[in-house]
mmCIF file of all heavy atoms, coordinates in Angstrom:
data_MODEL
# 
_entry.id   MODEL 
# 
loop_
_atom_site.group_PDB 
_atom_site.id 
_atom_site.type_symbol 
_atom_site.label_atom_id 
_atom_site.label_alt_id 
_atom_site.label_comp_id 
_atom_site.label_asym_id 
_atom_site.label_entity_id 
_atom_site.label_seq_id 
_atom_site.pdbx_PDB_ins_code 
_atom_site.Cartn_x 
_atom_site.Cartn_y 
_atom_site.Cartn_z 
_atom_site.occupancy 
_atom_site.B_iso_or_equiv 
_atom_site.pdbx_formal_charge 
_atom_site.auth_seq_id 
_atom_site.auth_comp_id 
_atom_site.auth_asym_id 
_atom_site.auth_atom_id 
_atom_site.pdbx_PDB_model_num 
ATOM 1   N N   . ALA A 1 1  ? 8.456   5.416   -25.393 1.00 0.00 ? 1  ALA A N   1 
ATOM 2   C CA  . ALA A 1 1  ? 9.749   5.875   -24.843 1.00 0.00 ? 1  ALA A CA  1 
ATOM 3   C C   . ALA A 1 1  ? 9.618   6.260   -23.442 1.00 0.00 ? 1  ALA A C   1 
ATOM 4   O O   . ALA A 1 1  ? 10.655  6.484   -22.771 1.00 0.00 ? 1  ALA A O   1 
ATOM 5   C CB  . ALA A 1 1  ? 10.249  7.066   -25.755 1.00 0.00 ? 1  ALA A CB  1 
ATOM 6   N N   . VAL A 1 2  ? 8.400   6.360   -22.942 1.00 0.00 ? 2  VAL A N   1 
ATOM 7   C CA  . VAL A 1 2  ? 8.151   6.531   -21.497 1.00 0.00 ? 2  VAL A CA  1 
ATOM 8   C C   . VAL A 1 2  ? 7.247   5.402   -21.118 1.00 0.00 ? 2  VAL A C   1 
ATOM 9   O O   . VAL A 1 2  ? 6.103   5.296   -21.657 1.00 0.00 ? 2  VAL A O   1 
ATOM 10  C CB  . VAL A 1 2  ? 7.563   7.955   -21.208 1.00 0.00 ? 2  VAL A CB  1 
ATOM 11  C CG1 . VAL A 1 2  ? 7.200   8.090   -19.709 1.00 0.00 ? 2  VAL A CG1 1 
ATOM 12  C CG2 . VAL A 1 2  ? 8.451   9.039   -21.617 1.00 0.00 ? 2  VAL A CG2 1 
ATOM 13  N N   . VAL A 1 3  ? 7.588   4.667   -20.143 1.00 0.00 ? 3  VAL A N   1 
ATOM 14  C CA  . VAL A 1 3  ? 6.798   3.496   -19.772 1.00 0.00 ? 3  VAL A CA  1 
ATOM 15  C C   . VAL A 1 3  ? 6.390   3.505   -18.258 1.00 0.00 ? 3  VAL A C   1 
ATOM 16  O O   . VAL A 1 3  ? 7.265   3.787   -17.424 1.00 0.00 ? 3  VAL A O   1 
ATOM 17  C CB  . VAL A 1 3  ? 7.630   2.145   -20.015 1.00 0.00 ? 3  VAL A CB  1 
ATOM 18  C CG1 . VAL A 1 3  ? 6.792   0.967   -19.653 1.00 0.00 ? 3  VAL A CG1 1 
ATOM 19  C CG2 . VAL A 1 3  ? 8.083   2.104   -21.481 1.00 0.00 ? 3  VAL A CG2 1 
ATOM 20  N N   . ASP A 1 4  ? 5.145   3.320   -18.030 1.00 0.00 ? 4  ASP A N   1 
ATOM 21  C CA  . ASP A 1 4  ? 4.595   3.380   -16.672 1.00 0.00 ? 4  ASP A CA  1 
ATOM 22  C C   . ASP A 1 4  ? 3.842   2.076   -16.497 1.00 0.00 ? 4  ASP A C   1 
ATOM 23  O O   . ASP A 1 4  ? 2.693   1.914   -16.904 1.00 0.00 ? 4  ASP A O   1 
ATOM 24  C CB  . ASP A 1 4  ? 3.718   4.539   -16.445 1.00 0.00 ? 4  ASP A CB  1 
ATOM 25  C CG  . ASP A 1 4  ? 3.156   4.657   -15.028 1.00 0.00 ? 4  ASP A CG  1 
ATOM 26  O OD1 . ASP A 1 4  ? 3.701   3.891   -14.131 1.00 0.00 ? 4  ASP A OD1 1 
ATOM 27  O OD2 . ASP A 1 4  ? 2.225   5.394   -14.850 1.00 0.00 ? 4  ASP A OD2 1 
ATOM 28  N N   . CYS A 1 5  ? 4.466   1.038   -15.962 1.00 0.00 ? 5  CYS A N   1 
ATOM 29  C CA  . CYS A 1 5  ? 3.874   -0.318  -15.874 1.00 0.00 ? 5  CYS A CA  1 
ATOM 30  C C   . CYS A 1 5  ? 2.856   -0.452  -14.845 1.00 0.00 ? 5  CYS A C   1 
ATOM 31  O O   . CYS A 1 5  ? 2.907   0.183   -13.785 1.00 0.00 ? 5  CYS A O   1 
ATOM 32  C CB  . CYS A 1 5  ? 4.999   -1.362  -15.602 1.00 0.00 ? 5  CYS A CB  1 
ATOM 33  S SG  . CYS A 1 5  ? 6.148   -1.581  -16.950 1.00 0.00 ? 5  CYS A SG  1 
ATOM 34  N N   . ASP A 1 6  ? 1.886   -1.258  -15.106 1.00 0.00 ? 6  ASP A N   1 
ATOM 35  C CA  . ASP A 1 6  ? 0.883   -1.739  -14.146 1.00 0.00 ? 6  ASP A CA  1 
ATOM 36  C C   . ASP A 1 6  ? 0.906   -3.252  -14.119 1.00 0.00 ? 6  ASP A C   1 
ATOM 37  O O   . ASP A 1 6  ? 0.574   -3.891  -15.122 1.00 0.00 ? 6  ASP A O   1 
ATOM 38  C CB  . ASP A 1 6  ? -0.533  -1.173  -14.617 1.00 0.00 ? 6  ASP A CB  1 
ATOM 39  C CG  . ASP A 1 6  ? -1.631  -1.697  -13.721 1.00 0.00 ? 6  ASP A CG  1 
ATOM 40  O OD1 . ASP A 1 6  ? -1.345  -2.431  -12.744 1.00 0.00 ? 6  ASP A OD1 1 
ATOM 41  O OD2 . ASP A 1 6  ? -2.809  -1.437  -14.035 1.00 0.00 ? 6  ASP A OD2 1 
ATOM 42  N N   . TRP A 1 7  ? 1.338   -3.822  -12.992 1.00 0.00 ? 7  TRP A N   1 
ATOM 43  C CA  . TRP A 1 7  ? 1.541   -5.250  -12.930 1.00 0.00 ? 7  TRP A CA  1 
ATOM 44  C C   . TRP A 1 7  ? 0.350   -5.940  -12.227 1.00 0.00 ? 7  TRP A C   1 
ATOM 45  O O   . TRP A 1 7  ? 0.478   -7.111  -11.811 1.00 0.00 ? 7  TRP A O   1 
ATOM 46  C CB  . TRP A 1 7  ? 2.832   -5.620  -12.306 1.00 0.00 ? 7  TRP A CB  1 
ATOM 47  C CG  . TRP A 1 7  ? 3.167   -4.887  -11.042 1.00 0.00 ? 7  TRP A CG  1 
ATOM 48  C CD1 . TRP A 1 7  ? 2.789   -5.090  -9.725  1.00 0.00 ? 7  TRP A CD1 1 
ATOM 49  C CD2 . TRP A 1 7  ? 3.929   -3.580  -11.022 1.00 0.00 ? 7  TRP A CD2 1 
ATOM 50  N NE1 . TRP A 1 7  ? 3.265   -4.068  -8.925  1.00 0.00 ? 7  TRP A NE1 1 
ATOM 51  C CE2 . TRP A 1 7  ? 3.931   -3.148  -9.657  1.00 0.00 ? 7  TRP A CE2 1 
ATOM 52  C CE3 . TRP A 1 7  ? 4.547   -2.823  -11.996 1.00 0.00 ? 7  TRP A CE3 1 
ATOM 53  C CZ2 . TRP A 1 7  ? 4.629   -2.038  -9.282  1.00 0.00 ? 7  TRP A CZ2 1 
ATOM 54  C CZ3 . TRP A 1 7  ? 5.188   -1.686  -11.642 1.00 0.00 ? 7  TRP A CZ3 1 
ATOM 55  C CH2 . TRP A 1 7  ? 5.216   -1.264  -10.280 1.00 0.00 ? 7  TRP A CH2 1 
ATOM 56  N N   . SER A 1 8  ? -0.824  -5.301  -12.124 1.00 0.00 ? 8  SER A N   1 
ATOM 57  C CA  . SER A 1 8  ? -1.950  -5.840  -11.463 1.00 0.00 ? 8  SER A CA  1 
ATOM 58  C C   . SER A 1 8  ? -2.408  -7.148  -12.242 1.00 0.00 ? 8  SER A C   1 
ATOM 59  O O   . SER A 1 8  ? -2.893  -8.132  -11.602 1.00 0.00 ? 8  SER A O   1 
ATOM 60  C CB  . SER A 1 8  ? -3.063  -4.887  -11.272 1.00 0.00 ? 8  SER A CB  1 
ATOM 61  O OG  . SER A 1 8  ? -3.475  -4.367  -12.604 1.00 0.00 ? 8  SER A OG  1 
ATOM 62  N N   . PHE A 1 9  ? -2.364  -7.165  -13.551 1.00 0.00 ? 9  PHE A N   1 
ATOM 63  C CA  . PHE A 1 9  ? -2.737  -8.277  -14.354 1.00 0.00 ? 9  PHE A CA  1 
ATOM 64  C C   . PHE A 1 9  ? -1.884  -9.529  -13.977 1.00 0.00 ? 9  PHE A C   1 
ATOM 65  O O   . PHE A 1 9  ? -2.324  -10.631 -13.810 1.00 0.00 ? 9  PHE A O   1 
ATOM 66  C CB  . PHE A 1 9  ? -2.667  -8.010  -15.865 1.00 0.00 ? 9  PHE A CB  1 
ATOM 67  C CG  . PHE A 1 9  ? -2.911  -9.221  -16.706 1.00 0.00 ? 9  PHE A CG  1 
ATOM 68  C CD1 . PHE A 1 9  ? -4.239  -9.619  -16.942 1.00 0.00 ? 9  PHE A CD1 1 
ATOM 69  C CD2 . PHE A 1 9  ? -1.869  -9.893  -17.343 1.00 0.00 ? 9  PHE A CD2 1 
ATOM 70  C CE1 . PHE A 1 9  ? -4.466  -10.720 -17.755 1.00 0.00 ? 9  PHE A CE1 1 
ATOM 71  C CE2 . PHE A 1 9  ? -2.105  -10.967 -18.182 1.00 0.00 ? 9  PHE A CE2 1 
ATOM 72  C CZ  . PHE A 1 9  ? -3.405  -11.398 -18.340 1.00 0.00 ? 9  PHE A CZ  1 
ATOM 73  N N   . THR A 1 10 ? -0.578  -9.201  -13.796 1.00 0.00 ? 10 THR A N   1 
ATOM 74  C CA  . THR A 1 10 ? 0.354   -10.315 -13.472 1.00 0.00 ? 10 THR A CA  1 
ATOM 75  C C   . THR A 1 10 ? 0.067   -10.871 -12.133 1.00 0.00 ? 10 THR A C   1 
ATOM 76  O O   . THR A 1 10 ? 0.129   -12.117 -11.935 1.00 0.00 ? 10 THR A O   1 
ATOM 77  C CB  . THR A 1 10 ? 1.818   -9.739  -13.454 1.00 0.00 ? 10 THR A CB  1 
ATOM 78  O OG1 . THR A 1 10 ? 2.039   -8.985  -14.662 1.00 0.00 ? 10 THR A OG1 1 
ATOM 79  C CG2 . THR A 1 10 ? 2.840   -10.849 -13.337 1.00 0.00 ? 10 THR A CG2 1 
ATOM 80  N N   . THR A 1 11 ? -0.308  -10.034 -11.111 1.00 0.00 ? 11 THR A N   1 
ATOM 81  C CA  . THR A 1 11 ? -0.625  -10.541 -9.799  1.00 0.00 ? 11 THR A CA  1 
ATOM 82  C C   . THR A 1 11 ? -1.821  -11.485 -9.794  1.00 0.00 ? 11 THR A C   1 
ATOM 83  O O   . THR A 1 11 ? -1.960  -12.261 -8.858  1.00 0.00 ? 11 THR A O   1 
ATOM 84  C CB  . THR A 1 11 ? -0.745  -9.415  -8.822  1.00 0.00 ? 11 THR A CB  1 
ATOM 85  O OG1 . THR A 1 11 ? -1.939  -8.615  -9.183  1.00 0.00 ? 11 THR A OG1 1 
ATOM 86  C CG2 . THR A 1 11 ? 0.454   -8.477  -8.772  1.00 0.00 ? 11 THR A CG2 1 
ATOM 87  N N   . ARG A 1 12 ? -2.680  -11.293 -10.765 1.00 0.00 ? 12 ARG A N   1 
ATOM 88  C CA  . ARG A 1 12 ? -3.909  -12.102 -10.843 1.00 0.00 ? 12 ARG A CA  1 
ATOM 89  C C   . ARG A 1 12 ? -3.769  -13.414 -11.622 1.00 0.00 ? 12 ARG A C   1 
ATOM 90  O O   . ARG A 1 12 ? -4.669  -14.252 -11.706 1.00 0.00 ? 12 ARG A O   1 
ATOM 91  C CB  . ARG A 1 12 ? -5.059  -11.337 -11.462 1.00 0.00 ? 12 ARG A CB  1 
ATOM 92  C CG  . ARG A 1 12 ? -5.419  -10.062 -10.635 1.00 0.00 ? 12 ARG A CG  1 
ATOM 93  C CD  . ARG A 1 12 ? -6.749  -9.487  -11.070 1.00 0.00 ? 12 ARG A CD  1 
ATOM 94  N NE  . ARG A 1 12 ? -6.722  -9.079  -12.485 1.00 0.00 ? 12 ARG A NE  1 
ATOM 95  C CZ  . ARG A 1 12 ? -6.360  -7.854  -12.934 1.00 0.00 ? 12 ARG A CZ  1 
ATOM 96  N NH1 . ARG A 1 12 ? -5.987  -6.953  -12.002 1.00 0.00 ? 12 ARG A NH1 1 
ATOM 97  N NH2 . ARG A 1 12 ? -6.347  -7.577  -14.199 1.00 0.00 ? 12 ARG A NH2 1 
ATOM 98  N N   . LEU A 1 13 ? -2.613  -13.595 -12.185 1.00 0.00 ? 13 LEU A N   1 
ATOM 99  C CA  . LEU A 1 13 ? -2.375  -14.884 -12.964 1.00 0.00 ? 13 LEU A CA  1 
ATOM 100 C C   . LEU A 1 13 ? -2.440  -16.073 -12.045 1.00 0.00 ? 13 LEU A C   1 
ATOM 101 O O   . LEU A 1 13 ? -1.850  -16.014 -10.931 1.00 0.00 ? 13 LEU A O   1 
ATOM 102 C CB  . LEU A 1 13 ? -1.024  -14.782 -13.698 1.00 0.00 ? 13 LEU A CB  1 
ATOM 103 C CG  . LEU A 1 13 ? -0.903  -13.874 -14.876 1.00 0.00 ? 13 LEU A CG  1 
ATOM 104 C CD1 . LEU A 1 13 ? 0.533   -13.802 -15.377 1.00 0.00 ? 13 LEU A CD1 1 
ATOM 105 C CD2 . LEU A 1 13 ? -1.843  -14.182 -16.025 1.00 0.00 ? 13 LEU A CD2 1 
ATOM 106 N N   . PRO A 1 14 ? -3.049  -17.177 -12.499 1.00 0.00 ? 14 PRO A N   1 
ATOM 107 C CA  . PRO A 1 14 ? -3.023  -18.365 -11.693 1.00 0.00 ? 14 PRO A CA  1 
ATOM 108 C C   . PRO A 1 14 ? -1.652  -18.980 -11.624 1.00 0.00 ? 14 PRO A C   1 
ATOM 109 O O   . PRO A 1 14 ? -0.938  -19.150 -12.673 1.00 0.00 ? 14 PRO A O   1 
ATOM 110 C CB  . PRO A 1 14 ? -4.001  -19.349 -12.440 1.00 0.00 ? 14 PRO A CB  1 
ATOM 111 C CG  . PRO A 1 14 ? -3.941  -18.835 -13.884 1.00 0.00 ? 14 PRO A CG  1 
ATOM 112 C CD  . PRO A 1 14 ? -3.733  -17.336 -13.757 1.00 0.00 ? 14 PRO A CD  1 
ATOM 113 N N   . ALA A 1 15 ? -1.194  -19.337 -10.444 1.00 0.00 ? 15 ALA A N   1 
ATOM 114 C CA  . ALA A 1 15 ? 0.157   -19.921 -10.227 1.00 0.00 ? 15 ALA A CA  1 
ATOM 115 C C   . ALA A 1 15 ? 0.221   -21.340 -10.842 1.00 0.00 ? 15 ALA A C   1 
ATOM 116 O O   . ALA A 1 15 ? 1.250   -21.810 -11.312 1.00 0.00 ? 15 ALA A O   1 
ATOM 117 C CB  . ALA A 1 15 ? 0.581   -19.906 -8.844  1.00 0.00 ? 15 ALA A CB  1 
ATOM 118 N N   . HIS A 1 16 ? -0.894  -22.022 -10.888 1.00 0.00 ? 16 HIS A N   1 
ATOM 119 C CA  . HIS A 1 16 ? -0.951  -23.394 -11.368 1.00 0.00 ? 16 HIS A CA  1 
ATOM 120 C C   . HIS A 1 16 ? -2.358  -23.785 -11.683 1.00 0.00 ? 16 HIS A C   1 
ATOM 121 O O   . HIS A 1 16 ? -3.298  -23.069 -11.216 1.00 0.00 ? 16 HIS A O   1 
ATOM 122 C CB  . HIS A 1 16 ? -0.351  -24.400 -10.396 1.00 0.00 ? 16 HIS A CB  1 
ATOM 123 C CG  . HIS A 1 16 ? -0.980  -24.345 -9.010  1.00 0.00 ? 16 HIS A CG  1 
ATOM 124 N ND1 . HIS A 1 16 ? -2.160  -24.976 -8.694  1.00 0.00 ? 16 HIS A ND1 1 
ATOM 125 C CD2 . HIS A 1 16 ? -0.593  -23.714 -7.879  1.00 0.00 ? 16 HIS A CD2 1 
ATOM 126 C CE1 . HIS A 1 16 ? -2.453  -24.776 -7.488  1.00 0.00 ? 16 HIS A CE1 1 
ATOM 127 N NE2 . HIS A 1 16 ? -1.531  -24.010 -6.923  1.00 0.00 ? 16 HIS A NE2 1 
ATOM 128 N N   . ALA A 1 17 ? -2.550  -24.782 -12.459 1.00 0.00 ? 17 ALA A N   1 
ATOM 129 C CA  . ALA A 1 17 ? -3.833  -25.334 -12.810 1.00 0.00 ? 17 ALA A CA  1 
ATOM 130 C C   . ALA A 1 17 ? -3.750  -26.827 -13.069 1.00 0.00 ? 17 ALA A C   1 
ATOM 131 O O   . ALA A 1 17 ? -2.670  -27.295 -13.416 1.00 0.00 ? 17 ALA A O   1 
ATOM 132 C CB  . ALA A 1 17 ? -4.429  -24.636 -14.064 1.00 0.00 ? 17 ALA A CB  1 
ATOM 133 N N   . PRO A 1 18 ? -4.819  -27.566 -12.787 1.00 0.00 ? 18 PRO A N   1 
ATOM 134 C CA  . PRO A 1 18 ? -4.763  -29.053 -12.946 1.00 0.00 ? 18 PRO A CA  1 
ATOM 135 C C   . PRO A 1 18 ? -4.621  -29.498 -14.419 1.00 0.00 ? 18 PRO A C   1 
ATOM 136 O O   . PRO A 1 18 ? -4.185  -30.678 -14.618 1.00 0.00 ? 18 PRO A O   1 
ATOM 137 C CB  . PRO A 1 18 ? -6.106  -29.488 -12.360 1.00 0.00 ? 18 PRO A CB  1 
ATOM 138 C CG  . PRO A 1 18 ? -7.047  -28.331 -12.483 1.00 0.00 ? 18 PRO A CG  1 
ATOM 139 C CD  . PRO A 1 18 ? -6.177  -27.139 -12.300 1.00 0.00 ? 18 PRO A CD  1 
ATOM 140 N N   . SER A 1 19 ? -4.950  -28.725 -15.347 1.00 0.00 ? 19 SER A N   1 
ATOM 141 C CA  . SER A 1 19 ? -4.840  -29.105 -16.734 1.00 0.00 ? 19 SER A CA  1 
ATOM 142 C C   . SER A 1 19 ? -4.636  -27.934 -17.661 1.00 0.00 ? 19 SER A C   1 
ATOM 143 O O   . SER A 1 19 ? -4.838  -26.744 -17.217 1.00 0.00 ? 19 SER A O   1 
ATOM 144 C CB  . SER A 1 19 ? -6.130  -29.837 -17.210 1.00 0.00 ? 19 SER A CB  1 
ATOM 145 O OG  . SER A 1 19 ? -7.220  -28.981 -17.193 1.00 0.00 ? 19 SER A OG  1 
ATOM 146 N N   . ARG A 1 20 ? -4.239  -28.219 -18.895 1.00 0.00 ? 20 ARG A N   1 
ATOM 147 C CA  . ARG A 1 20 ? -4.057  -27.076 -19.841 1.00 0.00 ? 20 ARG A CA  1 
ATOM 148 C C   . ARG A 1 20 ? -5.412  -26.327 -20.048 1.00 0.00 ? 20 ARG A C   1 
ATOM 149 O O   . ARG A 1 20 ? -5.416  -25.112 -20.090 1.00 0.00 ? 20 ARG A O   1 
ATOM 150 C CB  . ARG A 1 20 ? -3.552  -27.631 -21.156 1.00 0.00 ? 20 ARG A CB  1 
ATOM 151 C CG  . ARG A 1 20 ? -3.318  -26.541 -22.197 1.00 0.00 ? 20 ARG A CG  1 
ATOM 152 C CD  . ARG A 1 20 ? -2.880  -27.130 -23.568 1.00 0.00 ? 20 ARG A CD  1 
ATOM 153 N NE  . ARG A 1 20 ? -2.692  -26.140 -24.569 1.00 0.00 ? 20 ARG A NE  1 
ATOM 154 C CZ  . ARG A 1 20 ? -1.495  -25.531 -24.812 1.00 0.00 ? 20 ARG A CZ  1 
ATOM 155 N NH1 . ARG A 1 20 ? -0.444  -25.910 -24.101 1.00 0.00 ? 20 ARG A NH1 1 
ATOM 156 N NH2 . ARG A 1 20 ? -1.395  -24.613 -25.682 1.00 0.00 ? 20 ARG A NH2 1 
ATOM 157 N N   . GLN A 1 21 ? -6.466  -27.121 -20.157 1.00 0.00 ? 21 GLN A N   1 
ATOM 158 C CA  . GLN A 1 21 ? -7.770  -26.460 -20.394 1.00 0.00 ? 21 GLN A CA  1 
ATOM 159 C C   . GLN A 1 21 ? -8.156  -25.589 -19.205 1.00 0.00 ? 21 GLN A C   1 
ATOM 160 O O   . GLN A 1 21 ? -8.719  -24.506 -19.384 1.00 0.00 ? 21 GLN A O   1 
ATOM 161 C CB  . GLN A 1 21 ? -8.824  -27.560 -20.622 1.00 0.00 ? 21 GLN A CB  1 
ATOM 162 C CG  . GLN A 1 21 ? -10.214 -27.031 -20.835 1.00 0.00 ? 21 GLN A CG  1 
ATOM 163 C CD  . GLN A 1 21 ? -11.253 -28.148 -21.123 1.00 0.00 ? 21 GLN A CD  1 
ATOM 164 O OE1 . GLN A 1 21 ? -10.936 -29.253 -21.285 1.00 0.00 ? 21 GLN A OE1 1 
ATOM 165 N NE2 . GLN A 1 21 ? -12.536 -27.768 -21.154 1.00 0.00 ? 21 GLN A NE2 1 
ATOM 166 N N   . ALA A 1 22 ? -7.905  -26.125 -18.005 1.00 0.00 ? 22 ALA A N   1 
ATOM 167 C CA  . ALA A 1 22 ? -8.200  -25.324 -16.798 1.00 0.00 ? 22 ALA A CA  1 
ATOM 168 C C   . ALA A 1 22 ? -7.433  -24.003 -16.757 1.00 0.00 ? 22 ALA A C   1 
ATOM 169 O O   . ALA A 1 22 ? -7.961  -23.007 -16.363 1.00 0.00 ? 22 ALA A O   1 
ATOM 170 C CB  . ALA A 1 22 ? -7.950  -26.166 -15.585 1.00 0.00 ? 22 ALA A CB  1 
ATOM 171 N N   . LEU A 1 23 ? -6.222  -24.103 -17.203 1.00 0.00 ? 23 LEU A N   1 
ATOM 172 C CA  . LEU A 1 23 ? -5.336  -22.908 -17.204 1.00 0.00 ? 23 LEU A CA  1 
ATOM 173 C C   . LEU A 1 23 ? -5.889  -21.858 -18.195 1.00 0.00 ? 23 LEU A C   1 
ATOM 174 O O   . LEU A 1 23 ? -6.016  -20.678 -17.953 1.00 0.00 ? 23 LEU A O   1 
ATOM 175 C CB  . LEU A 1 23 ? -3.897  -23.241 -17.581 1.00 0.00 ? 23 LEU A CB  1 
ATOM 176 C CG  . LEU A 1 23 ? -2.870  -22.129 -17.605 1.00 0.00 ? 23 LEU A CG  1 
ATOM 177 C CD1 . LEU A 1 23 ? -2.824  -21.469 -16.160 1.00 0.00 ? 23 LEU A CD1 1 
ATOM 178 C CD2 . LEU A 1 23 ? -1.489  -22.681 -17.973 1.00 0.00 ? 23 LEU A CD2 1 
ATOM 179 N N   . ALA A 1 24 ? -6.269  -22.398 -19.423 1.00 0.00 ? 24 ALA A N   1 
ATOM 180 C CA  . ALA A 1 24 ? -6.833  -21.549 -20.480 1.00 0.00 ? 24 ALA A CA  1 
ATOM 181 C C   . ALA A 1 24 ? -8.153  -20.939 -19.960 1.00 0.00 ? 24 ALA A C   1 
ATOM 182 O O   . ALA A 1 24 ? -8.419  -19.739 -20.162 1.00 0.00 ? 24 ALA A O   1 
ATOM 183 C CB  . ALA A 1 24 ? -7.073  -22.310 -21.726 1.00 0.00 ? 24 ALA A CB  1 
ATOM 184 N N   . GLU A 1 25 ? -8.989  -21.704 -19.292 1.00 0.00 ? 25 GLU A N   1 
ATOM 185 C CA  . GLU A 1 25 ? -10.225 -21.128 -18.824 1.00 0.00 ? 25 GLU A CA  1 
ATOM 186 C C   . GLU A 1 25 ? -10.070 -20.156 -17.731 1.00 0.00 ? 25 GLU A C   1 
ATOM 187 O O   . GLU A 1 25 ? -10.839 -19.160 -17.670 1.00 0.00 ? 25 GLU A O   1 
ATOM 188 C CB  . GLU A 1 25 ? -11.086 -22.368 -18.283 1.00 0.00 ? 25 GLU A CB  1 
ATOM 189 C CG  . GLU A 1 25 ? -11.613 -23.265 -19.383 1.00 0.00 ? 25 GLU A CG  1 
ATOM 190 C CD  . GLU A 1 25 ? -12.374 -24.483 -18.839 1.00 0.00 ? 25 GLU A CD  1 
ATOM 191 O OE1 . GLU A 1 25 ? -12.321 -24.643 -17.619 1.00 0.00 ? 25 GLU A OE1 1 
ATOM 192 O OE2 . GLU A 1 25 ? -12.998 -25.195 -19.642 1.00 0.00 ? 25 GLU A OE2 1 
ATOM 193 N N   . ALA A 1 26 ? -9.046  -20.285 -16.895 1.00 0.00 ? 26 ALA A N   1 
ATOM 194 C CA  . ALA A 1 26 ? -8.718  -19.308 -15.874 1.00 0.00 ? 26 ALA A CA  1 
ATOM 195 C C   . ALA A 1 26 ? -8.311  -17.983 -16.453 1.00 0.00 ? 26 ALA A C   1 
ATOM 196 O O   . ALA A 1 26 ? -8.634  -16.921 -15.880 1.00 0.00 ? 26 ALA A O   1 
ATOM 197 C CB  . ALA A 1 26 ? -7.680  -19.854 -14.928 1.00 0.00 ? 26 ALA A CB  1 
# 
């Protein structure tokens, strides 16, 4: 009921990858 977000994980997400497997590995 009280939320304090940390979006650092989101900022580290890869914007793109050459394949599905590469995205999963990242």
